[in-house]
């Protein structure tokens, strides 16, 4: 019985403890990742609605039977459940609980399974204007800085580069200002002597 091979109970307990620690660390990160993905799904759904509204307006204009330049009418037509998929809009992302609502030419997209970090969803004016606005948890609409939005011509790595470049520029300008002030002070002292 002295030649038995295998793991001792202590070794097995150490392995189980390590797996438990890794799991405890990784689960919150994974949940946050899923919520952030749902926030982006809500924003993507808004862009899909905008494309569908543009297609609807183009189709109606090309038909020639009735020229529709009324964006609220186009928004209503695109968001009708019977028309889902008709103008290229596949419908809201159900996995994230995205709800799309339209009021006039403004469409709001809210992800019920999104983050709880102040942003509940997005609002976009289909008639034009600035990019999407964040709908905060207090139900007020606040603008999001354009350099933090993910768009095809502004991928996330360029966003981070832009922000770091801004920081570097601010630091450089601050240092230059301090150097100028220091030189001016030295010149004043020389003139006094």
Protein backbone atom coordinates (compact mmCIF):
# COMPACT_ATOMS: atom_id res chain seq x y z
CA UNK A 1 0.00 0.00 0.00
CA UNK A 2 2.99 2.31 0.16
CA UNK A 3 3.22 2.64 -3.65
CA UNK A 4 -0.17 4.26 -4.15
CA UNK A 5 -0.15 7.20 -6.58
CA UNK A 6 -2.58 10.12 -6.68
CA UNK A 7 -3.36 13.52 -5.26
CA UNK A 8 -3.67 14.21 -1.60
CA UNK A 9 -6.76 15.84 -0.16
CA UNK A 10 -4.82 19.03 0.55
CA UNK A 11 -3.67 19.31 -3.09
CA UNK A 12 -7.23 18.87 -4.33
CA UNK A 13 -8.52 21.50 -1.88
CA UNK A 14 -5.87 23.98 -3.06
CA UNK A 15 -6.89 23.46 -6.69
CA UNK A 16 -10.58 23.92 -5.85
CA UNK A 17 -9.76 27.10 -3.90
CA UNK A 18 -7.77 28.53 -6.84
CA UNK A 19 -10.62 27.77 -9.25
CA UNK A 20 -13.06 29.45 -6.85
CA UNK A 21 -10.91 32.59 -6.63
CA UNK A 22 -10.55 32.82 -10.42
CA UNK A 23 -14.31 32.39 -10.83
CA UNK A 24 -15.08 35.03 -8.20
CA UNK A 25 -12.84 37.50 -10.02
CA UNK A 26 -14.01 36.77 -13.57
CA UNK A 27 -17.81 36.65 -13.15
CA UNK A 28 -18.26 40.39 -12.36
CA UNK A 29 -16.09 41.31 -15.36
CA UNK A 30 -18.13 39.05 -17.63
CA UNK A 31 -21.42 40.51 -16.39
CA UNK A 32 -20.14 44.05 -16.99
CA UNK A 33 -19.02 43.00 -20.48
CA UNK A 34 -22.51 41.68 -21.27
CA UNK A 35 -24.18 44.89 -20.03
CA UNK A 36 -21.84 47.08 -22.08
CA UNK A 37 -22.59 44.95 -25.14
CA UNK A 38 -26.32 45.55 -24.57
CA UNK A 39 -25.74 49.31 -24.40
CA UNK A 40 -23.97 49.14 -27.75
CA UNK A 41 -26.78 46.98 -29.15
CA UNK A 42 -29.24 49.76 -28.27
CA UNK A 43 -27.05 52.28 -30.11
CA UNK A 44 -26.70 49.96 -33.10
CA UNK A 45 -30.47 49.54 -33.24
CA UNK A 46 -30.80 53.33 -33.47
CA UNK A 47 -28.45 53.42 -36.45
CA UNK A 48 -30.46 50.59 -38.05
CA UNK A 49 -33.67 52.61 -37.60
CA UNK A 50 -31.99 55.65 -39.15
CA UNK A 51 -30.94 53.61 -42.19
CA UNK A 52 -34.46 52.17 -42.51
CA UNK A 53 -36.01 55.66 -42.29
CA UNK A 54 -33.68 56.86 -45.05
CA UNK A 55 -34.61 53.82 -47.17
CA UNK A 56 -38.31 54.46 -46.58
CA UNK A 57 -37.98 58.09 -47.63
CA UNK A 58 -35.98 57.11 -50.72
CA UNK A 59 -38.46 54.39 -51.69
CA UNK A 60 -41.42 56.73 -51.35
CA UNK A 61 -39.67 59.41 -53.38
CA UNK A 62 -38.72 56.96 -56.14
CA UNK A 63 -42.25 55.56 -56.35
CA UNK A 64 -43.33 59.00 -57.46
CA UNK A 65 -46.89 58.38 -56.35
CA UNK A 66 -46.53 60.35 -53.17
CA UNK A 67 -43.49 62.33 -52.18
CA UNK A 68 -42.99 61.86 -48.47
CA UNK A 69 -40.64 64.32 -46.90
CA UNK A 70 -42.26 63.93 -43.50
CA UNK A 71 -39.72 62.22 -41.23
CA UNK A 72 -42.19 61.50 -38.37
CA UNK A 73 -44.38 59.57 -40.84
CA UNK A 74 -41.34 57.59 -41.98
CA UNK A 75 -40.35 56.83 -38.36
CA UNK A 76 -43.86 55.60 -37.59
CA UNK A 77 -43.92 53.42 -40.71
CA UNK A 78 -40.53 51.85 -39.98
CA UNK A 79 -41.36 51.10 -36.33
CA UNK A 80 -44.70 49.40 -37.09
CA UNK A 81 -44.45 45.73 -36.05
CA UNK A 82 -45.96 44.68 -39.39
CA UNK A 83 -43.13 46.45 -41.26
CA UNK A 84 -40.20 44.95 -39.33
CA UNK A 85 -37.67 43.80 -41.90
CA UNK A 86 -39.48 45.54 -44.76
CA UNK A 87 -37.13 48.54 -44.91
CA UNK A 88 -34.01 46.75 -43.68
CA UNK A 89 -34.67 47.24 -39.98
CA UNK A 90 -34.63 43.78 -38.35
CA UNK A 91 -36.30 44.92 -35.13
CA UNK A 92 -34.87 45.59 -31.69
CA UNK A 93 -32.27 43.29 -30.14
CA UNK A 94 -34.42 40.99 -28.02
CA UNK A 95 -31.48 39.34 -26.26
CA UNK A 96 -30.67 42.64 -24.54
CA UNK A 97 -34.26 43.70 -24.00
CA UNK A 98 -33.94 46.71 -26.29
CA UNK A 99 -37.11 48.78 -26.63
CA UNK A 100 -37.45 51.29 -29.47
CA UNK A 101 -39.91 54.16 -29.19
CA UNK A 102 -40.58 57.00 -31.59
CA UNK A 103 -41.90 60.45 -30.83
CA UNK A 104 -42.10 62.69 -33.88
CA UNK A 105 -38.76 62.45 -35.64
CA UNK A 106 -36.90 61.40 -32.47
CA UNK A 107 -36.32 57.72 -31.77
CA UNK A 108 -35.20 56.41 -28.38
CA UNK A 109 -33.56 53.04 -27.82
CA UNK A 110 -33.31 51.66 -24.27
CA UNK A 111 -31.60 48.41 -23.23
CA UNK A 112 -33.25 46.96 -20.13
CA UNK A 113 -30.25 44.69 -19.58
CA UNK A 114 -27.70 47.46 -20.09
CA UNK A 115 -25.35 49.00 -17.56
CA UNK A 116 -26.49 50.84 -14.47
CA UNK A 117 -23.76 53.46 -14.86
CA UNK A 118 -26.02 56.38 -15.65
CA UNK A 119 -26.82 55.61 -19.30
CA UNK A 120 -30.14 53.90 -19.88
CA UNK A 121 -30.22 54.21 -23.66
CA UNK A 122 -29.84 56.49 -26.63
CA UNK A 123 -31.93 59.10 -28.40
CA UNK A 124 -31.43 60.18 -32.03
CA UNK A 125 -33.22 62.78 -34.14
CA UNK A 126 -33.87 61.14 -37.50
CA UNK A 127 -34.32 64.52 -39.19
CA UNK A 128 -30.66 65.37 -38.68
CA UNK A 129 -28.64 67.18 -36.09
CA UNK A 130 -25.88 65.97 -33.83
CA UNK A 131 -25.12 62.34 -33.10
CA UNK A 132 -26.95 60.20 -30.58
CA UNK A 133 -27.68 61.56 -27.13
CA UNK A 134 -27.47 59.43 -24.01
CA UNK A 135 -30.65 58.96 -22.03
CA UNK A 136 -29.53 58.95 -18.41
CA UNK A 137 -31.14 57.06 -15.55
CA UNK A 138 -32.83 60.29 -14.50
CA UNK A 139 -34.68 60.27 -17.86
CA UNK A 140 -33.04 63.47 -19.06
CA UNK A 141 -31.16 63.56 -22.34
CA UNK A 142 -27.51 64.55 -22.12
CA UNK A 143 -25.08 64.85 -25.04
CA UNK A 144 -22.25 62.38 -25.26
CA UNK A 145 -18.85 63.70 -26.39
CA UNK A 146 -18.45 62.75 -30.04
CA UNK A 147 -14.94 61.38 -29.60
CA UNK A 148 -16.24 58.68 -27.23
CA UNK A 149 -18.85 57.27 -29.61
CA UNK A 150 -18.05 54.20 -31.62
CA UNK A 151 -18.73 54.77 -35.27
CA UNK A 152 -17.20 53.04 -38.31
CA UNK A 153 -14.80 55.92 -38.96
CA UNK A 154 -13.87 56.20 -35.26
CA UNK A 155 -13.05 52.72 -33.87
CA UNK A 156 -12.40 52.28 -30.13
CA UNK A 157 -8.59 52.18 -30.45
CA UNK A 158 -8.63 55.54 -32.23
CA UNK A 159 -10.93 56.92 -29.51
CA UNK A 160 -8.36 56.00 -26.87
CA UNK A 161 -5.57 57.46 -29.03
CA UNK A 162 -7.52 60.69 -29.46
CA UNK A 163 -8.11 61.00 -25.74
CA UNK A 164 -4.46 60.29 -24.90
CA UNK A 165 -3.34 62.79 -27.56
CA UNK A 166 -5.60 65.44 -26.03
CA UNK A 167 -4.13 64.72 -22.60
CA UNK A 168 -0.58 64.95 -23.97
CA UNK A 169 -1.39 68.23 -25.72
CA UNK A 170 -2.88 69.70 -22.53
CA UNK A 171 0.17 68.62 -20.53
CA UNK A 172 2.52 70.07 -23.15
CA UNK A 173 0.62 73.40 -23.21
CA UNK A 174 0.66 73.55 -19.40
CA UNK A 175 4.41 72.95 -19.33
CA UNK A 176 5.01 75.60 -22.02
CA UNK A 177 2.93 78.10 -20.03
CA UNK A 178 4.89 77.36 -16.85
CA UNK A 179 8.18 77.78 -18.75
CA UNK A 180 7.06 81.14 -20.19
CA UNK A 181 6.02 82.37 -16.76
CA UNK A 182 9.34 81.24 -15.31
CA UNK A 183 11.31 83.06 -18.06
CA UNK A 184 9.26 86.23 -17.56
CA UNK A 185 9.93 86.08 -13.84
CA UNK A 186 13.67 85.63 -14.43
CA UNK A 187 13.72 88.57 -16.88
CA UNK A 188 11.98 90.80 -14.35
CA UNK A 189 14.53 89.83 -11.70
CA UNK A 190 17.39 90.60 -14.10
CA UNK A 191 15.92 94.01 -14.89
CA UNK A 192 15.66 94.81 -11.18
CA UNK A 193 19.34 94.00 -10.67
